[in-house]
């Protein structure tokens, strides 16, 4: 046999060796572990969430309840602000009162936006 030639038997053995050598890696790449399927987003959210209304009526009910809750908080804050201002006198206003006023503004914008929908 010459140095530069390969016998047919050696060629088959080389091909078989290469196929067997590469064969174990090919299925591993194609057969990766199955990815866990995530449940649909609707199943993971609570039923009373505004992002998961089963019907438009439930969404309206949630918005109504949230608006009433925000209005109750608004009434409570305004009563607290009135007491704080009466206590403070003419020239001084506590920082906590300013924070309450900012929350009143935030709540009123939130309520207005919800009602406009």
PDB file of N, CA and C in Angstrom:
ATOM      1  N   UNK A   1       0.837  -1.162   0.000  1.00  0.00           N
ATOM      2  CA  UNK A   1       0.000   0.000   0.000  1.00  0.00           C
ATOM      3  C   UNK A   1       0.885   1.228   0.000  1.00  0.00           C
ATOM      4  N   UNK A   2       0.501   2.215  -0.776  1.00  0.00           N
ATOM      5  CA  UNK A   2       1.289   3.441  -0.864  1.00  0.00           C
ATOM      6  C   UNK A   2       0.901   4.370   0.271  1.00  0.00           C
ATOM      7  N   UNK A   3       1.803   5.303   0.570  1.00  0.00           N
ATOM      8  CA  UNK A   3       1.564   6.209   1.687  1.00  0.00           C
ATOM      9  C   UNK A   3       0.388   7.151   1.447  1.00  0.00           C
ATOM     10  N   UNK A   4       0.135   7.578   0.216  1.00  0.00           N
ATOM     11  CA  UNK A   4      -0.890   8.571  -0.039  1.00  0.00           C
ATOM     12  C   UNK A   4      -2.254   7.993  -0.339  1.00  0.00           C
ATOM     13  N   UNK A   5      -2.435   6.693  -0.363  1.00  0.00           N
ATOM     14  CA  UNK A   5      -3.723   6.106  -0.713  1.00  0.00           C
ATOM     15  C   UNK A   5      -4.363   5.472   0.503  1.00  0.00           C
ATOM     16  N   UNK A   6      -5.690   5.417   0.454  1.00  0.00           N
ATOM     17  CA  UNK A   6      -6.448   4.801   1.550  1.00  0.00           C
ATOM     18  C   UNK A   6      -7.221   3.638   0.946  1.00  0.00           C
ATOM     19  N   UNK A   7      -7.148   2.507   1.565  1.00  0.00           N
ATOM     20  CA  UNK A   7      -7.876   1.345   1.063  1.00  0.00           C
ATOM     21  C   UNK A   7      -9.364   1.546   1.305  1.00  0.00           C
ATOM     22  N   UNK A   8     -10.220   0.918   0.515  1.00  0.00           N
ATOM     23  CA  UNK A   8     -11.654   1.046   0.717  1.00  0.00           C
ATOM     24  C   UNK A   8     -12.080   0.619   2.119  1.00  0.00           C
ATOM     25  N   UNK A   9     -11.428  -0.366   2.656  1.00  0.00           N
ATOM     26  CA  UNK A   9     -11.756  -0.821   4.001  1.00  0.00           C
ATOM     27  C   UNK A   9     -11.407   0.253   5.025  1.00  0.00           C
ATOM     28  N   UNK A  10     -10.257   0.897   4.847  1.00  0.00           N
ATOM     29  CA  UNK A  10      -9.857   1.964   5.759  1.00  0.00           C
ATOM     30  C   UNK A  10     -10.790   3.163   5.624  1.00  0.00           C
ATOM     31  N   UNK A  11     -11.233   3.467   4.408  1.00  0.00           N
ATOM     32  CA  UNK A  11     -12.152   4.583   4.197  1.00  0.00           C
ATOM     33  C   UNK A  11     -13.464   4.324   4.898  1.00  0.00           C
ATOM     34  N   UNK A  12     -13.958   3.068   4.800  1.00  0.00           N
ATOM     35  CA  UNK A  12     -15.207   2.724   5.489  1.00  0.00           C
ATOM     36  C   UNK A  12     -15.025   2.815   7.004  1.00  0.00           C
ATOM     37  N   UNK A  13     -13.908   2.350   7.468  1.00  0.00           N
ATOM     38  CA  UNK A  13     -13.647   2.400   8.900  1.00  0.00           C
ATOM     39  C   UNK A  13     -13.552   3.844   9.383  1.00  0.00           C
ATOM     40  N   UNK A  14     -12.925   4.695   8.570  1.00  0.00           N
ATOM     41  CA  UNK A  14     -12.812   6.112   8.919  1.00  0.00           C
ATOM     42  C   UNK A  14     -14.190   6.770   8.938  1.00  0.00           C
ATOM     43  N   UNK A  15     -15.006   6.493   7.927  1.00  0.00           N
ATOM     44  CA  UNK A  15     -16.371   7.057   7.888  1.00  0.00           C
ATOM     45  C   UNK A  15     -17.181   6.578   9.083  1.00  0.00           C
ATOM     46  N   UNK A  16     -17.091   5.274   9.371  1.00  0.00           N
ATOM     47  CA  UNK A  16     -17.820   4.713  10.495  1.00  0.00           C
ATOM     48  C   UNK A  16     -17.357   5.346  11.804  1.00  0.00           C
ATOM     49  N   UNK A  17     -16.066   5.518  11.936  1.00  0.00           N
ATOM     50  CA  UNK A  17     -15.511   6.137  13.132  1.00  0.00           C
ATOM     51  C   UNK A  17     -16.029   7.566  13.287  1.00  0.00           C
ATOM     52  N   UNK A  18     -16.014   8.339  12.170  1.00  0.00           N
ATOM     53  CA  UNK A  18     -16.488   9.714  12.222  1.00  0.00           C
ATOM     54  C   UNK A  18     -17.981   9.777  12.536  1.00  0.00           C
ATOM     55  N   UNK A  19     -18.754   8.883  11.922  1.00  0.00           N
ATOM     56  CA  UNK A  19     -20.190   8.865  12.200  1.00  0.00           C
ATOM     57  C   UNK A  19     -20.476   8.499  13.640  1.00  0.00           C
ATOM     58  N   UNK A  20     -19.794   7.498  14.128  1.00  0.00           N
ATOM     59  CA  UNK A  20     -20.008   7.091  15.516  1.00  0.00           C
ATOM     60  C   UNK A  20     -19.487   8.140  16.489  1.00  0.00           C
ATOM     61  N   UNK A  21     -18.423   8.798  16.094  1.00  0.00           N
ATOM     62  CA  UNK A  21     -17.860   9.836  16.953  1.00  0.00           C
ATOM     63  C   UNK A  21     -18.755  11.067  17.031  1.00  0.00           C
ATOM     64  N   UNK A  22     -19.449  11.361  15.941  1.00  0.00           N
ATOM     65  CA  UNK A  22     -20.326  12.531  15.922  1.00  0.00           C
ATOM     66  C   UNK A  22     -21.751  12.194  16.307  1.00  0.00           C
ATOM     67  N   UNK A  23     -22.136  10.956  16.178  1.00  0.00           N
ATOM     68  CA  UNK A  23     -23.513  10.555  16.432  1.00  0.00           C
ATOM     69  C   UNK A  23     -23.993  10.877  17.852  1.00  0.00           C
ATOM     70  N   UNK A  24     -23.209  10.614  18.883  1.00  0.00           N
ATOM     71  CA  UNK A  24     -23.719  10.900  20.221  1.00  0.00           C
ATOM     72  C   UNK A  24     -23.982  12.385  20.461  1.00  0.00           C
ATOM     73  N   UNK A  25     -23.249  13.282  19.806  1.00  0.00           N
ATOM     74  CA  UNK A  25     -23.476  14.703  20.054  1.00  0.00           C
ATOM     75  C   UNK A  25     -24.686  15.225  19.313  1.00  0.00           C
ATOM     76  N   UNK A  26     -24.996  14.667  18.158  1.00  0.00           N
ATOM     77  CA  UNK A  26     -26.127  15.174  17.381  1.00  0.00           C
ATOM     78  C   UNK A  26     -27.452  14.988  18.107  1.00  0.00           C
ATOM     79  N   UNK A  27     -27.782  13.793  18.622  1.00  0.00           N
ATOM     80  CA  UNK A  27     -29.056  13.659  19.329  1.00  0.00           C
ATOM     81  C   UNK A  27     -29.122  14.496  20.593  1.00  0.00           C
ATOM     82  N   UNK A  28     -28.004  14.687  21.258  1.00  0.00           N
ATOM     83  CA  UNK A  28     -28.033  15.487  22.468  1.00  0.00           C
ATOM     84  C   UNK A  28     -28.405  16.926  22.159  1.00  0.00           C
ATOM     85  N   UNK A  29     -27.965  17.441  21.036  1.00  0.00           N
ATOM     86  CA  UNK A  29     -28.301  18.810  20.676  1.00  0.00           C
ATOM     87  C   UNK A  29     -29.769  18.919  20.305  1.00  0.00           C
ATOM     88  N   UNK A  30     -30.277  17.920  19.592  1.00  0.00           N
ATOM     89  CA  UNK A  30     -31.662  17.964  19.154  1.00  0.00           C
ATOM     90  C   UNK A  30     -32.627  17.574  20.265  1.00  0.00           C
ATOM     91  N   UNK A  31     -32.189  16.698  21.167  1.00  0.00           N
ATOM     92  CA  UNK A  31     -33.067  16.210  22.214  1.00  0.00           C
ATOM     93  C   UNK A  31     -32.720  16.872  23.541  1.00  0.00           C
ATOM     94  N   UNK A  32     -32.891  18.157  23.599  1.00  0.00           N
ATOM     95  CA  UNK A  32     -32.626  18.843  24.859  1.00  0.00           C
ATOM     96  C   UNK A  32     -33.766  18.541  25.816  1.00  0.00           C
ATOM     97  N   UNK A  33     -33.519  18.798  27.061  1.00  0.00           N
ATOM     98  CA  UNK A  33     -34.544  18.551  28.069  1.00  0.00           C
ATOM     99  C   UNK A  33     -35.769  19.389  27.740  1.00  0.00           C
ATOM    100  N   UNK A  34     -36.945  18.825  27.878  1.00  0.00           N
ATOM    101  CA  UNK A  34     -38.145  19.601  27.556  1.00  0.00           C
ATOM    102  C   UNK A  34     -38.274  20.791  28.500  1.00  0.00           C
ATOM    103  N   UNK A  35     -38.588  21.918  27.919  1.00  0.00           N
ATOM    104  CA  UNK A  35     -38.742  23.126  28.722  1.00  0.00           C
ATOM    105  C   UNK A  35     -40.074  23.063  29.448  1.00  0.00           C
ATOM    106  N   UNK A  36     -40.079  23.454  30.707  1.00  0.00           N
ATOM    107  CA  UNK A  36     -41.348  23.442  31.421  1.00  0.00           C
ATOM    108  C   UNK A  36     -42.281  24.478  30.809  1.00  0.00           C
ATOM    109  N   UNK A  37     -43.492  24.061  30.575  1.00  0.00           N
ATOM    110  CA  UNK A  37     -44.452  24.982  29.989  1.00  0.00           C
ATOM    111  C   UNK A  37     -45.044  25.844  31.089  1.00  0.00           C
ATOM    112  N   UNK A  38     -45.091  27.128  30.809  1.00  0.00           N
ATOM    113  CA  UNK A  38     -45.691  28.060  31.764  1.00  0.00           C
ATOM    114  C   UNK A  38     -47.196  28.035  31.598  1.00  0.00           C
ATOM    115  N   UNK A  39     -47.908  28.110  32.669  1.00  0.00           N
ATOM    116  CA  UNK A  39     -49.359  28.171  32.527  1.00  0.00           C
ATOM    117  C   UNK A  39     -49.734  29.487  31.870  1.00  0.00           C
ATOM    118  N   UNK A  40     -50.855  29.555  31.254  1.00  0.00           N
ATOM    119  CA  UNK A  40     -51.267  30.809  30.627  1.00  0.00           C
ATOM    120  C   UNK A  40     -51.299  31.928  31.654  1.00  0.00           C
ATOM    121  N   UNK A  41     -51.081  33.141  31.186  1.00  0.00           N
ATOM    122  CA  UNK A  41     -51.022  34.297  32.089  1.00  0.00           C
ATOM    123  C   UNK A  41     -52.329  34.451  32.854  1.00  0.00           C
ATOM    124  N   UNK A  42     -53.425  34.092  32.234  1.00  0.00           N
ATOM    125  CA  UNK A  42     -54.714  34.236  32.902  1.00  0.00           C
ATOM    126  C   UNK A  42     -54.805  33.350  34.135  1.00  0.00           C
ATOM    127  N   UNK A  43     -54.172  32.180  34.098  1.00  0.00           N
ATOM    128  CA  UNK A  43     -54.272  31.250  35.211  1.00  0.00           C
ATOM    129  C   UNK A  43     -53.445  31.701  36.407  1.00  0.00           C
ATOM    130  N   UNK A  44     -52.400  32.502  36.194  1.00  0.00           N
ATOM    131  CA  UNK A  44     -51.537  32.905  37.294  1.00  0.00           C
ATOM    132  C   UNK A  44     -52.006  34.165  37.994  1.00  0.00           C
ATOM    133  N   UNK A  45     -52.911  34.911  37.384  1.00  0.00           N
ATOM    134  CA  UNK A  45     -53.366  36.152  37.983  1.00  0.00           C
ATOM    135  C   UNK A  45     -54.584  35.882  38.867  1.00  0.00           C
ATOM    136  N   UNK A  46     -54.707  36.625  39.948  1.00  0.00           N
ATOM    137  CA  UNK A  46     -55.874  36.431  40.796  1.00  0.00           C
ATOM    138  C   UNK A  46     -57.142  36.818  40.047  1.00  0.00           C
ATOM    139  N   UNK A  47     -58.242  36.202  40.461  1.00  0.00           N
ATOM    140  CA  UNK A  47     -59.489  36.438  39.751  1.00  0.00           C
ATOM    141  C   UNK A  47     -59.994  37.866  39.897  1.00  0.00           C
ATOM    142  N   UNK A  48     -59.657  38.525  41.004  1.00  0.00           N
ATOM    143  CA  UNK A  48     -60.162  39.878  41.208  1.00  0.00           C
ATOM    144  C   UNK A  48     -59.229  40.947  40.649  1.00  0.00           C
ATOM    145  N   UNK A  49     -58.256  40.541  39.856  1.00  0.00           N
ATOM    146  CA  UNK A  49     -57.316  41.482  39.256  1.00  0.00           C
ATOM    147  C   UNK A  49     -57.958  42.187  38.069  1.00  0.00           C
ATOM    148  N   UNK A  50     -57.678  43.487  37.881  1.00  0.00           N
ATOM    149  CA  UNK A  50     -58.239  44.186  36.728  1.00  0.00           C
ATOM    150  C   UNK A  50     -57.618  43.712  35.422  1.00  0.00           C
ATOM    151  N   UNK A  51     -56.467  43.048  35.503  1.00  0.00           N
ATOM    152  CA  UNK A  51     -55.798  42.543  34.304  1.00  0.00           C
ATOM    153  C   UNK A  51     -56.420  41.240  33.825  1.00  0.00           C
ATOM    154  N   UNK A  52     -57.274  40.643  34.619  1.00  0.00           N
ATOM    155  CA  UNK A  52     -57.868  39.361  34.276  1.00  0.00           C
ATOM    156  C   UNK A  52     -59.376  39.393  34.475  1.00  0.00           C
ATOM    157  N   UNK A  53     -60.063  40.281  33.791  1.00  0.00           N
ATOM    158  CA  UNK A  53     -61.507  40.274  33.962  1.00  0.00           C
ATOM    159  C   UNK A  53     -62.131  39.156  33.127  1.00  0.00           C
ATOM    160  N   UNK A  54     -62.944  38.345  33.765  1.00  0.00           N
ATOM    161  CA  UNK A  54     -63.599  37.277  33.026  1.00  0.00           C
ATOM    162  C   UNK A  54     -64.668  37.868  32.115  1.00  0.00           C
ATOM    163  N   UNK A  55     -65.278  38.932  32.574  1.00  0.00           N
ATOM    164  CA  UNK A  55     -66.303  39.607  31.774  1.00  0.00           C
ATOM    165  C   UNK A  55     -66.140  41.111  31.952  1.00  0.00           C
ATOM    166  N   UNK A  56     -66.696  41.893  31.038  1.00  0.00           N
ATOM    167  CA  UNK A  56     -66.651  43.356  31.222  1.00  0.00           C
ATOM    168  C   UNK A  56     -67.365  43.792  32.501  1.00  0.00           C
ATOM    169  N   UNK A  57     -68.372  43.042  32.908  1.00  0.00           N
ATOM    170  CA  UNK A  57     -69.093  43.388  34.137  1.00  0.00           C
ATOM    171  C   UNK A  57     -68.174  43.277  35.352  1.00  0.00           C
ATOM    172  N   UNK A  58     -67.303  42.252  35.359  1.00  0.00           N
ATOM    173  CA  UNK A  58     -66.367  42.111  36.487  1.00  0.00           C
ATOM    174  C   UNK A  58     -65.360  43.251  36.503  1.00  0.00           C
ATOM    175  N   UNK A  59     -64.927  43.684  35.323  1.00  0.00           N
ATOM    176  CA  UNK A  59     -63.994  44.808  35.244  1.00  0.00           C
ATOM    177  C   UNK A  59     -64.653  46.072  35.779  1.00  0.00           C
ATOM    178  N   UNK A  60     -65.876  46.313  35.386  1.00  0.00           N
ATOM    179  CA  UNK A  60     -66.597  47.496  35.882  1.00  0.00           C
ATOM    180  C   UNK A  60     -66.796  47.424  37.389  1.00  0.00           C
ATOM    181  N   UNK A  61     -67.100  46.245  37.895  1.00  0.00           N
ATOM    182  CA  UNK A  61     -67.284  46.065  39.343  1.00  0.00           C
ATOM    183  C   UNK A  61     -65.969  46.343  40.076  1.00  0.00           C
ATOM    184  N   UNK A  62     -64.854  45.825  39.533  1.00  0.00           N
ATOM    185  CA  UNK A  62     -63.557  46.064  40.163  1.00  0.00           C
ATOM    186  C   UNK A  62     -63.242  47.556  40.159  1.00  0.00           C
ATOM    187  N   UNK A  63     -63.475  48.237  39.028  1.00  0.00           N
ATOM    188  CA  UNK A  63     -63.202  49.676  38.941  1.00  0.00           C
ATOM    189  C   UNK A  63     -64.076  50.455  39.922  1.00  0.00           C
ATOM    190  N   UNK A  64     -65.335  50.068  40.041  1.00  0.00           N
ATOM    191  CA  UNK A  64     -66.252  50.724  40.970  1.00  0.00           C
ATOM    192  C   UNK A  64     -65.759  50.574  42.409  1.00  0.00           C
ATOM    193  N   UNK A  65     -65.402  49.349  42.782  1.00  0.00           N
ATOM    194  CA  UNK A  65     -64.911  49.102  44.144  1.00  0.00           C
ATOM    195  C   UNK A  65     -63.615  49.861  44.423  1.00  0.00           C
ATOM    196  N   UNK A  66     -62.707  49.876  43.450  1.00  0.00           N
ATOM    197  CA  UNK A  66     -61.443  50.591  43.623  1.00  0.00           C
ATOM    198  C   UNK A  66     -61.679  52.092  43.735  1.00  0.00           C
ATOM    199  N   UNK A  67     -62.625  52.614  42.979  1.00  0.00           N
ATOM    200  CA  UNK A  67     -62.941  54.044  43.049  1.00  0.00           C
ATOM    201  C   UNK A  67     -63.514  54.396  44.418  1.00  0.00           C
ATOM    202  N   UNK A  68     -64.426  53.570  44.923  1.00  0.00           N
ATOM    203  CA  UNK A  68     -64.989  53.825  46.264  1.00  0.00           C
ATOM    204  C   UNK A  68     -63.909  53.788  47.339  1.00  0.00           C
ATOM    205  N   UNK A  69     -62.995  52.839  47.222  1.00  0.00           N
ATOM    206  CA  UNK A  69     -61.900  52.733  48.196  1.00  0.00           C
ATOM    207  C   UNK A  69     -61.016  53.988  48.147  1.00  0.00           C
ATOM    208  N   UNK A  70     -60.703  54.447  46.940  1.00  0.00           N
ATOM    209  CA  UNK A  70     -59.877  55.651  46.793  1.00  0.00           C
ATOM    210  C   UNK A  70     -60.614  56.891  47.303  1.00  0.00           C
ATOM    211  N   UNK A  71     -61.909  56.964  47.090  1.00  0.00           N
ATOM    212  CA  UNK A  71     -62.689  58.107  47.583  1.00  0.00           C
ATOM    213  C   UNK A  71     -62.717  58.113  49.105  1.00  0.00           C
ATOM    214  N   UNK A  72     -62.870  56.933  49.709  1.00  0.00           N
ATOM    215  CA  UNK A  72     -62.833  56.855  51.178  1.00  0.00           C
ATOM    216  C   UNK A  72     -61.485  57.334  51.705  1.00  0.00           C
ATOM    217  N   UNK A  73     -60.410  56.939  51.049  1.00  0.00           N
ATOM    218  CA  UNK A  73     -59.068  57.380  51.451  1.00  0.00           C
ATOM    219  C   UNK A  73     -58.933  58.889  51.279  1.00  0.00           C
ATOM    220  N   UNK A  74     -59.515  59.422  50.205  1.00  0.00           N
ATOM    221  CA  UNK A  74     -59.476  60.861  49.938  1.00  0.00           C
ATOM    222  C   UNK A  74     -60.207  61.643  51.031  1.00  0.00           C
ATOM    223  N   UNK A  75     -61.345  61.149  51.433  1.00  0.00           N
ATOM    224  CA  UNK A  75     -62.122  61.811  52.498  1.00  0.00           C
ATOM    225  C   UNK A  75     -61.338  61.787  53.808  1.00  0.00           C
ATOM    226  N   UNK A  76     -60.721  60.641  54.115  1.00  0.00           N
ATOM    227  CA  UNK A  76     -59.932  60.524  55.344  1.00  0.00           C
ATOM    228  C   UNK A  76     -58.756  61.499  55.326  1.00  0.00           C
ATOM    229  N   UNK A  77     -58.072  61.572  54.197  1.00  0.00           N
ATOM    230  CA  UNK A  77     -56.920  62.484  54.096  1.00  0.00           C
ATOM    231  C   UNK A  77     -57.336  63.941  54.247  1.00  0.00           C
ATOM    232  N   UNK A  78     -58.423  64.335  53.619  1.00  0.00           N
ATOM    233  CA  UNK A  78     -58.846  65.748  53.723  1.00  0.00           C
ATOM    234  C   UNK A  78     -59.235  66.096  55.154  1.00  0.00           C
ATOM    235  N   UNK A  79     -59.843  65.155  55.876  1.00  0.00           N
ATOM    236  CA  UNK A  79     -60.177  65.413  57.284  1.00  0.00           C
ATOM    237  C   UNK A  79     -58.887  65.555  58.110  1.00  0.00           C
ATOM    238  N   UNK A  80     -57.894  64.707  57.831  1.00  0.00           N
ATOM    239  CA  UNK A  80     -56.611  64.806  58.549  1.00  0.00           C
ATOM    240  C   UNK A  80     -55.906  66.126  58.228  1.00  0.00           C
ATOM    241  N   UNK A  81     -55.968  66.544  56.980  1.00  0.00           N
ATOM    242  CA  UNK A  81     -55.322  67.804  56.580  1.00  0.00           C
ATOM    243  C   UNK A  81     -55.984  68.973  57.296  1.00  0.00           C
ATOM    244  N   UNK A  82     -57.294  68.944  57.386  1.00  0.00           N
ATOM    245  CA  UNK A  82     -58.014  70.025  58.081  1.00  0.00           C
ATOM    246  C   UNK A  82     -57.577  70.108  59.544  1.00  0.00           C
ATOM    247  N   UNK A  83     -57.484  68.957  60.215  1.00  0.00           N
ATOM    248  CA  UNK A  83     -57.053  68.939  61.619  1.00  0.00           C
ATOM    249  C   UNK A  83     -55.626  69.455  61.753  1.00  0.00           C
ATOM    250  N   UNK A  84     -54.739  69.026  60.829  1.00  0.00           N
ATOM    251  CA  UNK A  84     -53.342  69.462  60.872  1.00  0.00           C
ATOM    252  C   UNK A  84     -53.226  70.976  60.705  1.00  0.00           C
ATOM    253  N   UNK A  85     -54.002  71.532  59.793  1.00  0.00           N
ATOM    254  CA  UNK A  85     -53.939  72.977  59.536  1.00  0.00           C
ATOM    255  C   UNK A  85     -54.486  73.747  60.733  1.00  0.00           C
ATOM    256  N   UNK A  86     -55.554  73.261  61.342  1.00  0.00           N
ATOM    257  CA  UNK A  86     -56.111  73.924  62.523  1.00  0.00           C
ATOM    258  C   UNK A  86     -55.134  73.888  63.693  1.00  0.00           C
ATOM    259  N   UNK A  87     -54.413  72.777  63.846  1.00  0.00           N
ATOM    260  CA  UNK A  87     -53.423  72.646  64.910  1.00  0.00           C
ATOM    261  C   UNK A  87     -52.214  73.544  64.672  1.00  0.00           C
ATOM    262  N   UNK A  88     -51.773  73.621  63.427  1.00  0.00           N
ATOM    263  CA  UNK A  88     -50.522  74.301  63.101  1.00  0.00           C
ATOM    264  C   UNK A  88     -50.594  75.806  63.287  1.00  0.00           C
ATOM    265  N   UNK A  89     -51.708  76.412  63.038  1.00  0.00           N
ATOM    266  CA  UNK A  89     -51.798  77.864  63.160  1.00  0.00           C
ATOM    267  C   UNK A  89     -51.630  78.533  61.805  1.00  0.00           C
ATOM    268  N   UNK A  90     -51.407  79.858  61.856  1.00  0.00           N
ATOM    269  CA  UNK A  90     -51.403  80.660  60.636  1.00  0.00           C
ATOM    270  C   UNK A  90     -50.114  80.566  59.830  1.00  0.00           C
ATOM    271  N   UNK A  91     -48.980  80.472  60.472  1.00  0.00           N
ATOM    272  CA  UNK A  91     -47.709  80.625  59.776  1.00  0.00           C
ATOM    273  C   UNK A  91     -46.958  79.335  59.476  1.00  0.00           C
ATOM    274  N   UNK A  92     -47.394  78.216  60.038  1.00  0.00           N
ATOM    275  CA  UNK A  92     -46.616  76.986  59.915  1.00  0.00           C
ATOM    276  C   UNK A  92     -47.511  75.881  59.345  1.00  0.00           C
ATOM    277  N   UNK A  93     -46.909  75.076  58.443  1.00  0.00           N
ATOM    278  CA  UNK A  93     -47.601  73.905  57.919  1.00  0.00           C
ATOM    279  C   UNK A  93     -46.628  72.728  57.968  1.00  0.00           C
ATOM    280  N   UNK A  94     -46.989  71.643  58.653  1.00  0.00           N
ATOM    281  CA  UNK A  94     -46.076  70.513  58.790  1.00  0.00           C
ATOM    282  C   UNK A  94     -45.786  69.841  57.438  1.00  0.00           C
ATOM    283  N   UNK A  95     -44.618  69.254  57.339  1.00  0.00           N
ATOM    284  CA  UNK A  95     -44.220  68.558  56.120  1.00  0.00           C
ATOM    285  C   UNK A  95     -45.148  67.365  55.859  1.00  0.00           C
ATOM    286  N   UNK A  96     -45.581  66.705  56.910  1.00  0.00           N
ATOM    287  CA  UNK A  96     -46.486  65.560  56.739  1.00  0.00           C
ATOM    288  C   UNK A  96     -47.786  65.986  56.061  1.00  0.00           C
ATOM    289  N   UNK A  97     -48.215  67.224  56.333  1.00  0.00           N
ATOM    290  CA  UNK A  97     -49.435  67.738  55.696  1.00  0.00           C
ATOM    291  C   UNK A  97     -49.203  67.945  54.198  1.00  0.00           C
ATOM    292  N   UNK A  98     -48.024  68.404  53.844  1.00  0.00           N
ATOM    293  CA  UNK A  98     -47.711  68.573  52.425  1.00  0.00           C
ATOM    294  C   UNK A  98     -47.718  67.226  51.708  1.00  0.00           C
ATOM    295  N   UNK A  99     -47.202  66.197  52.362  1.00  0.00           N
ATOM    296  CA  UNK A  99     -47.219  64.859  51.766  1.00  0.00           C
ATOM    297  C   UNK A  99     -48.647  64.358  51.607  1.00  0.00           C
ATOM    298  N   UNK A 100     -49.488  64.655  52.589  1.00  0.00           N
ATOM    299  CA  UNK A 100     -50.888  64.259  52.476  1.00  0.00           C
ATOM    300  C   UNK A 100     -51.569  64.997  51.322  1.00  0.00           C
ATOM    301  N   UNK A 101     -51.231  66.264  51.141  1.00  0.00           N
ATOM    302  CA  UNK A 101     -51.794  67.021  50.022  1.00  0.00           C
ATOM    303  C   UNK A 101     -51.355  66.439  48.676  1.00  0.00           C
ATOM    304  N   UNK A 102     -50.110  66.010  48.599  1.00  0.00           N
ATOM    305  CA  UNK A 102     -49.634  65.372  47.369  1.00  0.00           C
ATOM    306  C   UNK A 102     -50.381  64.067  47.112  1.00  0.00           C
ATOM    307  N   UNK A 103     -50.673  63.321  48.169  1.00  0.00           N
ATOM    308  CA  UNK A 103     -51.428  62.079  48.003  1.00  0.00           C
ATOM    309  C   UNK A 103     -52.868  62.371  47.578  1.00  0.00           C
ATOM    310  N   UNK A 104     -53.434  63.473  48.082  1.00  0.00           N
ATOM    311  CA  UNK A 104     -54.781  63.869  47.651  1.00  0.00           C
ATOM    312  C   UNK A 104     -54.778  64.142  46.154  1.00  0.00           C
ATOM    313  N   UNK A 105     -53.768  64.858  45.680  1.00  0.00           N
ATOM    314  CA  UNK A 105     -53.674  65.135  44.240  1.00  0.00           C
ATOM    315  C   UNK A 105     -53.540  63.852  43.438  1.00  0.00           C
ATOM    316  N   UNK A 106     -52.689  62.950  43.903  1.00  0.00           N
ATOM    317  CA  UNK A 106     -52.478  61.688  43.199  1.00  0.00           C
ATOM    318  C   UNK A 106     -53.766  60.868  43.145  1.00  0.00           C
ATOM    319  N   UNK A 107     -54.463  60.795  44.279  1.00  0.00           N
ATOM    320  CA  UNK A 107     -55.705  60.032  44.316  1.00  0.00           C
ATOM    321  C   UNK A 107     -56.780  60.653  43.424  1.00  0.00           C
ATOM    322  N   UNK A 108     -56.858  61.976  43.428  1.00  0.00           N
ATOM    323  CA  UNK A 108     -57.883  62.616  42.601  1.00  0.00           C
ATOM    324  C   UNK A 108     -57.609  62.393  41.110  1.00  0.00           C
ATOM    325  N   UNK A 109     -56.331  62.429  40.701  1.00  0.00           N
ATOM    326  CA  UNK A 109     -55.999  62.127  39.299  1.00  0.00           C
ATOM    327  C   UNK A 109     -56.339  60.678  38.961  1.00  0.00           C
ATOM    328  N   UNK A 110     -56.059  59.780  39.888  1.00  0.00           N
ATOM    329  CA  UNK A 110     -56.335  58.359  39.681  1.00  0.00           C
ATOM    330  C   UNK A 110     -57.847  58.120  39.539  1.00  0.00           C
ATOM    331  N   UNK A 111     -58.624  58.744  40.400  1.00  0.00           N
ATOM    332  CA  UNK A 111     -60.083  58.595  40.357  1.00  0.00           C
ATOM    333  C   UNK A 111     -60.627  59.188  39.052  1.00  0.00           C
ATOM    334  N   UNK A 112     -60.162  60.373  38.711  1.00  0.00           N
ATOM    335  CA  UNK A 112     -60.629  61.022  37.479  1.00  0.00           C
ATOM    336  C   UNK A 112     -60.305  60.163  36.259  1.00  0.00           C
ATOM    337  N   UNK A 113     -59.096  59.629  36.206  1.00  0.00           N
ATOM    338  CA  UNK A 113     -58.708  58.777  35.081  1.00  0.00           C
ATOM    339  C   UNK A 113     -59.555  57.521  34.994  1.00  0.00           C
ATOM    340  N   UNK A 114     -59.868  56.931  36.140  1.00  0.00           N
ATOM    341  CA  UNK A 114     -60.677  55.717  36.146  1.00  0.00           C
ATOM    342  C   UNK A 114     -62.113  56.027  35.704  1.00  0.00           C
ATOM    343  N   UNK A 115     -62.630  57.175  36.107  1.00  0.00           N
ATOM    344  CA  UNK A 115     -63.995  57.535  35.742  1.00  0.00           C
ATOM    345  C   UNK A 115     -64.083  57.893  34.257  1.00  0.00           C
ATOM    346  N   UNK A 116     -63.035  58.496  33.714  1.00  0.00           N
ATOM    347  CA  UNK A 116     -63.037  58.875  32.292  1.00  0.00           C
ATOM    348  C   UNK A 116     -63.037  57.671  31.365  1.00  0.00           C
ATOM    349  N   UNK A 117     -62.561  56.547  31.829  1.00  0.00           N
ATOM    350  CA  UNK A 117     -62.475  55.368  30.960  1.00  0.00           C
ATOM    351  C   UNK A 117     -63.792  54.992  30.481  1.00  0.00           C
TER     352      UNK A 117
END
